[in-house]
Amino acid sequence: MSRRTIYNWMTSGKVQYVRTAGGSVRIFADTLWRGPEAKSVDPWTDELLRRGA
């Protein structure tokens, strides 16, 4: 899998992630293994995704 694929997944919301203060990206491992219909159970993470974190 390419780096571009991961960035596309981030943009489309297929994986959940956060950006660190230094600008690095951290992807939540459990989002890599869930089905496309799965929803997060963490409202804090959902809010970060809405903000484009």
Protein backbone atom coordinates (compact mmCIF):
# COMPACT_ATOMS: atom_id res chain seq x y z
CA MET A 1 0.00 0.00 0.00
CA SER A 2 1.35 3.39 -0.90
CA ARG A 3 1.67 6.51 1.21
CA ARG A 4 -0.74 8.24 -1.18
CA THR A 5 -3.38 5.59 -0.43
CA ILE A 6 -3.13 6.34 3.28
CA TYR A 7 -3.44 10.09 2.66
CA ASN A 8 -6.48 9.47 0.44
CA TRP A 9 -8.05 7.38 3.20
CA MET A 10 -7.39 10.18 5.69
CA THR A 11 -9.00 12.75 3.40
CA SER A 12 -12.05 10.58 2.73
CA GLY A 13 -12.53 9.70 6.42
CA LYS A 14 -11.81 5.99 6.05
CA VAL A 15 -9.23 6.16 8.84
CA GLN A 16 -9.16 8.33 11.93
CA TYR A 17 -6.03 10.25 12.77
CA VAL A 18 -4.61 13.16 14.70
CA ARG A 19 -1.78 15.53 13.96
CA THR A 20 0.76 16.02 16.71
CA ALA A 21 2.04 19.41 17.78
CA GLY A 22 5.12 18.76 15.62
CA GLY A 23 3.00 18.08 12.53
CA SER A 24 3.30 14.28 12.44
CA VAL A 25 0.25 12.15 11.73
CA ARG A 26 -0.88 9.36 14.05
CA ILE A 27 -3.47 6.94 12.68
CA PHE A 28 -5.67 5.05 15.12
CA ALA A 29 -4.88 1.37 14.55
CA ASP A 30 -8.44 0.22 15.22
CA THR A 31 -9.65 2.29 12.24
CA LEU A 32 -7.40 0.33 9.89
CA TRP A 33 -9.25 -2.91 10.65
CA ARG A 34 -12.87 -1.79 10.86
CA GLY A 35 -15.41 -2.15 8.08
CA PRO A 36 -16.45 0.89 6.03
CA GLU A 37 -19.86 1.02 7.75
CA ALA A 38 -18.34 1.22 11.25
CA LYS A 39 -18.72 4.43 13.24
CA SER A 40 -16.44 5.68 15.96
CA VAL A 41 -17.57 5.38 19.56
CA ASP A 42 -15.25 8.19 20.62
CA PRO A 43 -16.89 11.64 20.30
CA TRP A 44 -13.57 13.41 20.94
CA THR A 45 -12.02 11.71 17.91
CA ASP A 46 -15.12 12.44 15.82
CA GLU A 47 -14.81 16.13 16.72
CA LEU A 48 -11.14 16.16 15.68
CA LEU A 49 -12.06 14.64 12.33
CA ARG A 50 -14.78 17.23 11.75
CA ARG A 51 -12.21 19.95 12.40
CA GLY A 52 -9.72 18.35 10.00
CA ALA A 53 -7.15 17.59 12.66
